[in-house]
C-alpha atoms as a PDB file:
ATOM      1  CA  UNK A   1     -23.702  -7.469  11.707  1.00  0.00           C
ATOM      2  CA  UNK A   2     -21.456  -5.899   8.610  1.00  0.00           C
ATOM      3  CA  UNK A   3     -20.372  -8.195   6.098  1.00  0.00           C
ATOM      4  CA  UNK A   4     -16.531  -8.476   5.386  1.00  0.00           C
ATOM      5  CA  UNK A   5     -15.873  -9.109   1.696  1.00  0.00           C
ATOM      6  CA  UNK A   6     -13.284 -11.498   0.385  1.00  0.00           C
ATOM      7  CA  UNK A   7     -11.998 -10.983  -3.063  1.00  0.00           C
ATOM      8  CA  UNK A   8     -11.515 -14.164  -5.280  1.00  0.00           C
ATOM      9  CA  UNK A   9     -10.555 -13.374  -9.054  1.00  0.00           C
ATOM     10  CA  UNK A  10     -13.180 -10.724 -10.027  1.00  0.00           C
ATOM     11  CA  UNK A  11     -15.599 -11.820  -7.562  1.00  0.00           C
ATOM     12  CA  UNK A  12     -16.639 -10.564  -4.238  1.00  0.00           C
ATOM     13  CA  UNK A  13     -17.592 -13.332  -1.810  1.00  0.00           C
ATOM     14  CA  UNK A  14     -19.726 -12.015   1.436  1.00  0.00           C
ATOM     15  CA  UNK A  15     -18.393 -13.230   4.882  1.00  0.00           C
ATOM     16  CA  UNK A  16     -19.217 -13.034   8.428  1.00  0.00           C
ATOM     17  CA  UNK A  17     -16.795 -14.041  11.411  1.00  0.00           C
ATOM     18  CA  UNK A  18     -18.978 -15.077  14.762  1.00  0.00           C
ATOM     19  CA  UNK A  19     -16.363 -14.255  17.399  1.00  0.00           C
ATOM     20  CA  UNK A  20     -18.145 -16.481  19.682  1.00  0.00           C
ATOM     21  CA  UNK A  21     -17.887 -19.588  17.865  1.00  0.00           C
ATOM     22  CA  UNK A  22     -14.892 -18.208  16.269  1.00  0.00           C
ATOM     23  CA  UNK A  23     -15.822 -19.353  12.793  1.00  0.00           C
ATOM     24  CA  UNK A  24     -16.080 -17.845   9.358  1.00  0.00           C
ATOM     25  CA  UNK A  25     -19.572 -18.102   7.367  1.00  0.00           C
ATOM     26  CA  UNK A  26     -19.433 -17.606   3.319  1.00  0.00           C
ATOM     27  CA  UNK A  27     -22.183 -16.693   1.250  1.00  0.00           C
ATOM     28  CA  UNK A  28     -23.318 -19.914  -0.645  1.00  0.00           C
ATOM     29  CA  UNK A  29     -24.366 -17.932  -3.651  1.00  0.00           C
ATOM     30  CA  UNK A  30     -21.307 -15.825  -3.630  1.00  0.00           C
ATOM     31  CA  UNK A  31     -19.291 -19.195  -3.965  1.00  0.00           C
ATOM     32  CA  UNK A  32     -21.574 -20.708  -6.493  1.00  0.00           C
ATOM     33  CA  UNK A  33     -21.140 -17.795  -8.694  1.00  0.00           C
ATOM     34  CA  UNK A  34     -17.382 -18.142  -8.625  1.00  0.00           C
ATOM     35  CA  UNK A  35     -17.682 -21.835  -9.325  1.00  0.00           C
ATOM     36  CA  UNK A  36     -20.149 -21.153 -12.171  1.00  0.00           C
ATOM     37  CA  UNK A  37     -18.290 -18.107 -13.667  1.00  0.00           C
ATOM     38  CA  UNK A  38     -21.731 -16.375 -13.518  1.00  0.00           C
ATOM     39  CA  UNK A  39     -21.288 -12.506 -13.795  1.00  0.00           C
ATOM     40  CA  UNK A  40     -25.069 -12.483 -13.138  1.00  0.00           C
ATOM     41  CA  UNK A  41     -25.807 -12.911  -9.258  1.00  0.00           C
ATOM     42  CA  UNK A  42     -29.266 -13.912  -9.934  1.00  0.00           C
ATOM     43  CA  UNK A  43     -28.354 -16.783 -12.418  1.00  0.00           C
ATOM     44  CA  UNK A  44     -26.413 -17.859  -9.072  1.00  0.00           C
ATOM     45  CA  UNK A  45     -29.229 -17.506  -7.237  1.00  0.00           C
ATOM     46  CA  UNK A  46     -31.520 -19.601  -9.354  1.00  0.00           C
ATOM     47  CA  UNK A  47     -28.561 -22.085  -9.692  1.00  0.00           C
ATOM     48  CA  UNK A  48     -28.631 -22.577  -5.897  1.00  0.00           C
ATOM     49  CA  UNK A  49     -32.420 -22.815  -5.648  1.00  0.00           C
ATOM     50  CA  UNK A  50     -32.530 -25.961  -8.170  1.00  0.00           C
ATOM     51  CA  UNK A  51     -29.641 -27.450  -6.564  1.00  0.00           C
ATOM     52  CA  UNK A  52     -30.930 -27.209  -3.123  1.00  0.00           C
ATOM     53  CA  UNK A  53     -34.132 -28.534  -4.323  1.00  0.00           C
ATOM     54  CA  UNK A  54     -32.507 -31.314  -5.931  1.00  0.00           C
ATOM     55  CA  UNK A  55     -30.392 -32.346  -3.096  1.00  0.00           C
ATOM     56  CA  UNK A  56     -33.539 -32.341  -0.545  1.00  0.00           C
ATOM     57  CA  UNK A  57     -35.077 -34.445  -2.860  1.00  0.00           C
ATOM     58  CA  UNK A  58     -32.214 -37.085  -2.837  1.00  0.00           C
ATOM     59  CA  UNK A  59     -32.379 -36.586   1.126  1.00  0.00           C
ATOM     60  CA  UNK A  60     -28.990 -34.735   1.473  1.00  0.00           C
ATOM     61  CA  UNK A  61     -28.361 -33.133   4.385  1.00  0.00           C
ATOM     62  CA  UNK A  62     -26.076 -30.454   3.444  1.00  0.00           C
ATOM     63  CA  UNK A  63     -28.421 -28.193   2.603  1.00  0.00           C
ATOM     64  CA  UNK A  64     -29.709 -28.040   6.158  1.00  0.00           C
ATOM     65  CA  UNK A  65     -26.292 -26.938   7.609  1.00  0.00           C
ATOM     66  CA  UNK A  66     -26.760 -23.756   5.823  1.00  0.00           C
ATOM     67  CA  UNK A  67     -27.147 -20.532   8.056  1.00  0.00           C
ATOM     68  CA  UNK A  68     -29.562 -17.434   7.259  1.00  0.00           C
ATOM     69  CA  UNK A  69     -27.595 -14.289   8.156  1.00  0.00           C
ATOM     70  CA  UNK A  70     -28.733 -10.537   7.039  1.00  0.00           C
ATOM     71  CA  UNK A  71     -26.437  -8.786   4.817  1.00  0.00           C
ATOM     72  CA  UNK A  72     -26.326  -5.742   2.746  1.00  0.00           C
ATOM     73  CA  UNK A  73     -27.378  -6.681  -1.023  1.00  0.00           C
ATOM     74  CA  UNK A  74     -26.408  -4.867  -3.994  1.00  0.00           C
ATOM     75  CA  UNK A  75     -29.100  -2.594  -3.717  1.00  0.00           C
ATOM     76  CA  UNK A  76     -27.911  -1.767  -0.059  1.00  0.00           C
ATOM     77  CA  UNK A  77     -31.196  -3.502   1.780  1.00  0.00           C
ATOM     78  CA  UNK A  78     -30.500  -5.858   3.980  1.00  0.00           C
ATOM     79  CA  UNK A  79     -31.840  -9.438   3.124  1.00  0.00           C
ATOM     80  CA  UNK A  80     -31.168 -12.899   4.418  1.00  0.00           C
ATOM     81  CA  UNK A  81     -28.462 -14.989   2.741  1.00  0.00           C
ATOM     82  CA  UNK A  82     -27.553 -18.560   3.075  1.00  0.00           C
ATOM     83  CA  UNK A  83     -23.896 -19.322   4.357  1.00  0.00           C
ATOM     84  CA  UNK A  84     -21.917 -22.265   5.028  1.00  0.00           C
END
């Protein structure tokens, strides 16, 4: 599964199109990086970890609809990433 890249301003947002379901999945952390205007991916990742922890404590179900897909990371290794 190869990732497609969407460019938003100066940020790259990884995405995947599921042809069977006919739906796009976008990387949650990449979107948070845009929304929080973080140049550092790790800061956006930590932001998501803390946010999802708080949402889980509040009983929010929005975190449970995230899917994990393997994509290439900046270091070219395949890792699991959250997608909406």
